Protein backbone atom coordinates (compact mmCIF):
# COMPACT_ATOMS: atom_id res chain seq x y z
CA MET A 1 10.12 23.15 -26.42
CA GLU A 2 10.77 24.48 -22.91
CA LYS A 3 11.34 21.70 -20.39
CA GLN A 4 11.27 21.87 -16.62
CA VAL A 5 11.29 19.32 -13.84
CA ILE A 6 9.80 20.23 -10.51
CA ARG A 7 10.87 18.34 -7.41
CA GLY A 8 8.22 15.67 -7.11
CA TYR A 9 6.46 16.65 -10.35
CA SER A 10 7.42 17.10 -13.97
CA LYS A 11 6.02 19.77 -16.29
CA ILE A 12 6.32 20.53 -20.00
CA LYS A 13 5.11 23.65 -21.74
CA THR A 14 3.74 23.04 -25.22
CA LYS A 15 0.90 24.58 -27.20
CA SER A 16 -1.24 21.46 -26.93
CA TYR A 17 -0.45 20.91 -23.23
CA LYS A 18 -1.86 24.08 -21.72
CA LYS A 19 -4.05 22.03 -19.38
CA SER A 20 -0.96 20.37 -17.94
CA ASN A 21 0.78 23.66 -17.18
CA LYS A 22 -0.43 24.24 -13.64
CA THR A 23 1.46 26.33 -11.08
CA LEU A 24 2.86 24.35 -8.19
CA LYS A 25 3.89 25.74 -4.83
CA THR A 26 7.49 26.94 -4.51
CA PRO A 27 8.92 24.55 -7.10
CA LYS A 28 12.60 23.82 -7.29
CA ILE A 29 13.60 23.87 -10.95
CA ILE A 30 16.30 21.53 -12.25
CA THR A 31 18.06 22.08 -15.57
CA LEU A 32 18.37 18.83 -17.48
CA ASN A 33 20.37 17.44 -20.36
CA THR A 34 18.22 14.57 -21.67
CA LYS A 35 20.37 13.62 -24.68
CA ASN A 36 22.29 10.77 -23.10
CA ILE A 37 19.92 9.34 -20.51
CA LYS A 38 20.42 5.66 -19.74
CA HIS A 39 17.08 4.02 -19.08
CA LYS A 40 18.05 1.26 -16.67
CA MET A 41 15.54 1.64 -13.90
CA LYS A 42 13.33 -0.28 -11.50
CA ILE A 43 10.06 1.61 -11.73
CA ILE A 44 6.65 1.45 -10.06
CA LEU A 45 3.68 2.79 -12.01
CA LEU A 46 0.83 4.39 -10.08
CA GLY A 47 -2.37 5.79 -11.51
CA SER A 48 -6.12 5.76 -10.94
CA PRO A 49 -8.64 3.90 -13.11
CA GLY A 50 -9.06 5.66 -16.46
CA VAL A 51 -5.79 7.58 -16.29
CA GLY A 52 -4.27 5.53 -19.13
CA LYS A 53 -1.49 3.81 -17.21
CA GLY A 54 -1.44 0.81 -19.57
CA THR A 55 -0.90 3.12 -22.55
CA TYR A 56 2.04 4.88 -20.88
CA ALA A 57 3.52 1.53 -19.84
CA SER A 58 3.48 0.46 -23.50
CA PHE A 59 5.33 3.68 -24.42
CA ILE A 60 8.04 2.92 -21.84
CA LYS A 61 8.32 -0.72 -22.87
CA GLU A 62 8.67 0.19 -26.55
CA LYS A 63 11.29 2.91 -26.10
CA TYR A 64 13.31 1.78 -23.09
CA LYS A 65 12.95 -2.03 -23.46
CA LEU A 66 11.88 -2.49 -19.85
CA PRO A 67 9.56 -5.45 -19.18
CA HIS A 68 6.08 -4.48 -17.97
CA ILE A 69 5.11 -6.70 -15.03
CA SER A 70 1.51 -6.56 -13.82
CA THR A 71 0.25 -8.71 -10.96
CA GLY A 72 -2.32 -10.39 -13.22
CA ASP A 73 0.31 -11.35 -15.80
CA LEU A 74 2.62 -12.42 -12.98
CA PHE A 75 0.15 -15.00 -11.66
CA ARG A 76 -0.91 -16.18 -15.13
CA GLU A 77 2.70 -16.79 -16.18
CA ALA A 78 3.57 -18.64 -12.98
CA MET A 79 0.47 -20.85 -13.29
CA LYS A 80 1.04 -21.47 -17.00
CA ASN A 81 4.63 -22.56 -16.34
CA GLY A 82 3.45 -24.84 -13.55
CA THR A 83 6.01 -23.59 -11.05
CA PRO A 84 5.59 -24.62 -7.39
CA LEU A 85 4.71 -21.01 -6.51
CA GLY A 86 2.34 -20.81 -9.47
CA LYS A 87 0.52 -23.93 -8.26
CA LYS A 88 0.12 -22.39 -4.81
CA ALA A 89 -1.26 -19.18 -6.32
CA LYS A 90 -3.71 -21.20 -8.44
CA GLU A 91 -5.19 -22.78 -5.30
CA TYR A 92 -6.08 -19.35 -3.92
CA ILE A 93 -7.35 -17.99 -7.25
CA ASP A 94 -9.49 -21.08 -7.93
CA ARG A 95 -11.15 -20.57 -4.52
CA GLY A 96 -11.77 -16.91 -5.34
CA ASP A 97 -9.38 -15.77 -2.60
CA LEU A 98 -6.71 -13.07 -2.81
CA VAL A 99 -3.17 -14.37 -3.18
CA PRO A 100 -1.32 -13.59 0.11
CA ASP A 101 1.32 -10.88 0.04
CA ASP A 102 4.17 -13.20 0.98
CA LEU A 103 3.38 -15.55 -1.92
CA THR A 104 2.98 -12.62 -4.34
CA VAL A 105 6.39 -11.29 -3.29
CA GLN A 106 7.98 -14.72 -3.77
CA ILE A 107 6.52 -15.01 -7.29
CA LEU A 108 7.65 -11.46 -8.06
CA LYS A 109 11.17 -12.21 -6.78
CA GLU A 110 11.29 -15.23 -9.09
CA ARG A 111 10.11 -13.12 -12.04
CA ILE A 112 12.54 -10.20 -11.62
CA SER A 113 15.48 -12.61 -11.33
CA LYS A 114 15.07 -13.49 -15.02
CA PRO A 115 17.56 -12.12 -17.61
CA ASP A 116 15.07 -9.68 -19.19
CA CYS A 117 14.91 -7.77 -15.88
CA GLU A 118 18.68 -7.32 -15.65
CA ASN A 119 18.47 -3.68 -16.73
CA GLY A 120 15.29 -2.92 -14.83
CA PHE A 121 11.52 -3.37 -15.03
CA MET A 122 8.15 -1.68 -14.50
CA LEU A 123 5.76 -2.91 -11.79
CA ASP A 124 2.07 -2.27 -12.36
CA GLY A 125 -0.51 -3.13 -9.71
CA PHE A 126 2.00 -3.95 -6.97
CA PRO A 127 2.53 -2.70 -4.36
CA ARG A 128 -0.91 -1.40 -3.36
CA THR A 129 -0.32 -1.10 0.40
CA ILE A 130 2.49 -0.05 2.73
CA PRO A 131 3.14 -3.65 3.96
CA GLN A 132 3.48 -4.71 0.31
CA ALA A 133 5.88 -1.82 -0.37
CA GLU A 134 7.97 -2.75 2.66
CA ALA A 135 8.06 -6.40 1.57
CA LEU A 136 9.13 -5.29 -1.92
CA ASP A 137 11.98 -3.23 -0.43
CA LYS A 138 13.41 -6.42 1.05
CA ILE A 139 13.88 -8.09 -2.34
CA THR A 140 14.83 -5.17 -4.61
CA LYS A 141 15.53 -1.44 -4.63
CA ILE A 142 12.87 0.63 -6.39
CA GLU A 143 14.45 3.72 -7.94
CA LEU A 144 11.42 5.58 -9.26
CA ALA A 145 7.67 5.70 -8.60
CA ILE A 146 5.72 7.48 -11.34
CA ASN A 147 2.23 8.66 -10.43
CA PHE A 148 0.18 9.39 -13.57
CA PHE A 149 -2.76 11.62 -12.68
CA ALA A 150 -5.58 13.49 -14.39
CA SER A 151 -8.55 15.56 -13.27
CA GLU A 152 -11.80 13.80 -12.35
CA LYS A 153 -13.48 15.53 -15.30
CA ILE A 154 -11.02 14.00 -17.78
CA ILE A 155 -11.25 10.53 -16.22
CA LEU A 156 -15.06 10.64 -16.30
CA GLN A 157 -14.87 11.59 -19.97
CA ARG A 158 -12.39 8.83 -20.82
CA LEU A 159 -14.14 6.01 -18.98
CA GLY A 160 -17.72 7.26 -19.30
CA GLY A 161 -17.45 7.57 -23.08
CA ARG A 162 -16.14 4.07 -23.67
CA ARG A 163 -18.34 1.55 -25.48
CA ILE A 164 -17.57 -2.14 -26.04
CA CYS A 165 -18.89 -4.55 -28.67
CA LYS A 166 -20.86 -7.47 -27.20
CA LYS A 167 -19.79 -9.77 -30.04
CA CYS A 168 -16.11 -9.12 -30.79
CA GLY A 169 -15.01 -7.00 -27.81
CA ALA A 170 -13.82 -4.04 -29.94
CA ILE A 171 -13.59 -0.79 -27.97
CA PHE A 172 -14.95 2.55 -29.17
CA HIS A 173 -15.29 5.99 -27.56
CA LEU A 174 -18.01 8.59 -27.95
CA VAL A 175 -15.35 11.34 -28.22
CA ASN A 176 -12.03 9.80 -29.23
CA LYS A 177 -13.12 6.87 -31.44
CA LYS A 178 -16.72 7.21 -32.52
CA PRO A 179 -18.40 4.26 -34.29
CA LYS A 180 -19.66 5.06 -37.78
CA LYS A 181 -23.19 4.21 -36.65
CA GLU A 182 -24.27 4.98 -33.11
CA GLY A 183 -24.48 1.86 -30.96
CA VAL A 184 -23.16 -0.44 -33.70
CA CYS A 185 -19.67 -1.98 -33.99
CA ASP A 186 -17.75 -0.94 -37.13
CA ILE A 187 -16.01 -4.33 -37.26
CA CYS A 188 -18.72 -6.96 -36.84
CA GLY A 189 -21.99 -5.04 -36.59
CA GLY A 190 -22.52 -6.13 -32.99
CA GLU A 191 -24.29 -4.07 -30.33
CA LEU A 192 -22.16 -1.65 -28.31
CA TYR A 193 -22.67 -1.39 -24.56
CA GLN A 194 -21.32 0.53 -21.57
CA ARG A 195 -19.80 -1.42 -18.68
CA SER A 196 -21.75 -1.06 -15.44
CA ASP A 197 -18.60 -0.01 -13.56
CA GLU A 198 -18.06 2.84 -16.03
CA MET A 199 -21.22 4.73 -15.13
CA PRO A 200 -20.41 8.22 -13.74
CA GLU A 201 -21.56 7.46 -10.17
CA ILE A 202 -19.57 4.21 -10.05
CA ILE A 203 -16.46 5.86 -11.54
CA LYS A 204 -16.53 8.56 -8.84
CA GLU A 205 -16.78 5.89 -6.14
CA ARG A 206 -13.91 3.92 -7.70
CA LEU A 207 -11.75 7.07 -7.77
CA LYS A 208 -12.57 7.85 -4.14
CA THR A 209 -11.63 4.33 -3.06
CA TYR A 210 -8.43 4.40 -5.14
CA HIS A 211 -7.22 7.70 -3.65
CA GLU A 212 -8.00 6.60 -0.09
CA LYS A 213 -5.98 3.41 -0.54
CA THR A 214 -3.15 4.86 -2.61
CA LYS A 215 -2.44 8.13 -0.75
CA PRO A 216 -0.34 6.37 1.96
CA LEU A 217 1.67 4.68 -0.81
CA GLU A 218 2.32 8.02 -2.52
CA ASP A 219 3.49 9.46 0.82
CA TYR A 220 5.74 6.41 1.35
CA TYR A 221 7.64 6.96 -1.90
CA LYS A 222 7.58 10.74 -1.51
CA LYS A 223 9.47 10.37 1.78
CA LYS A 224 12.04 8.26 -0.05
CA GLY A 225 12.43 11.09 -2.57
CA ILE A 226 11.58 8.95 -5.61
CA LEU A 227 7.95 9.90 -6.32
CA ARG A 228 7.38 11.84 -9.53
CA GLY A 229 3.95 12.96 -10.73
CA ILE A 230 3.03 13.36 -14.39
CA MET A 231 -0.22 15.08 -15.28
CA VAL A 232 -1.94 13.54 -18.30
CA ASP A 233 -4.98 15.78 -18.80
CA ALA A 234 -4.07 16.45 -22.43
CA ASP A 235 -5.95 15.00 -25.38
CA ILE A 236 -4.55 11.52 -26.05
CA ASN A 237 -5.19 12.05 -29.77
CA ALA A 238 -2.98 15.14 -29.93
CA PRO A 239 -0.19 14.68 -32.55
CA ASN A 240 2.64 15.07 -30.03
CA PHE A 241 0.98 13.30 -27.08
CA LYS A 242 3.27 10.25 -27.02
CA GLU A 243 6.44 12.30 -27.46
CA ALA A 244 5.43 14.71 -24.68
CA ILE A 245 4.69 11.86 -22.26
CA LEU A 246 8.05 10.23 -23.06
CA ASP A 247 9.80 13.57 -22.49
CA LYS A 248 8.20 13.78 -19.06
CA ILE A 249 9.22 10.21 -18.24
CA ASP A 250 12.79 10.99 -19.38
CA GLU A 251 12.85 13.97 -17.04
CA ALA A 252 11.47 11.92 -14.14
CA ILE A 253 14.16 9.27 -14.63
CA GLU A 254 16.93 11.84 -14.86
CA SER A 255 15.73 13.75 -11.79
CA VAL A 256 16.07 10.73 -9.47
CA LYS A 257 19.55 10.02 -10.82
CA LYS A 258 20.75 13.44 -9.69
């Protein structure tokens, strides 16, 4: 397999990844030795709805033993443990209000001080804005921001083809995981439905909103020299999909350690 890392973006050439092999402007190629990479990193995960960020986070967690910290899990854990900060967050959530940035940062600081974060962690869903990123910089040093991205066509296919069972919640896909009988759950026989926010028109609007809000954040980490983009247009059912994604993540980690 021929591997290359491009400043700001990573690229791998494989037979099943032809869609990912796009020419970038005046790339600076770095030769890597990925045999002895130490995966001790503080990482931010970026990615639009439908890009598969949760799947890639599970790959990283499994291989590199880095805890995956999402804002939702962060609040749930703090409230479950009944911490003073968790109780404050619960007041906002119970009212249907957004938890203020300063409180979110305090809860996050408490979480990343735990022993399992000693060698690093992945943040998912925070920061979302420049003020949040600046507040985060005051409590820890982020070493890598990975932006997972795919074409609109692929995202529409992934989200638009998803069907969920009304009874048991099992997830199927019209392309990647077809039910044996159209519209019927293989597990419990319940009716399958499509979420209203996964209709093509709604998905396009969600993507537009995401890019408008996230572009400044991408620029923020690009200026710091730690933004790496990984294209994930390839078929997630391809035999070497997981290995190829992990190779790209390895290369992204190594490139910021240079």
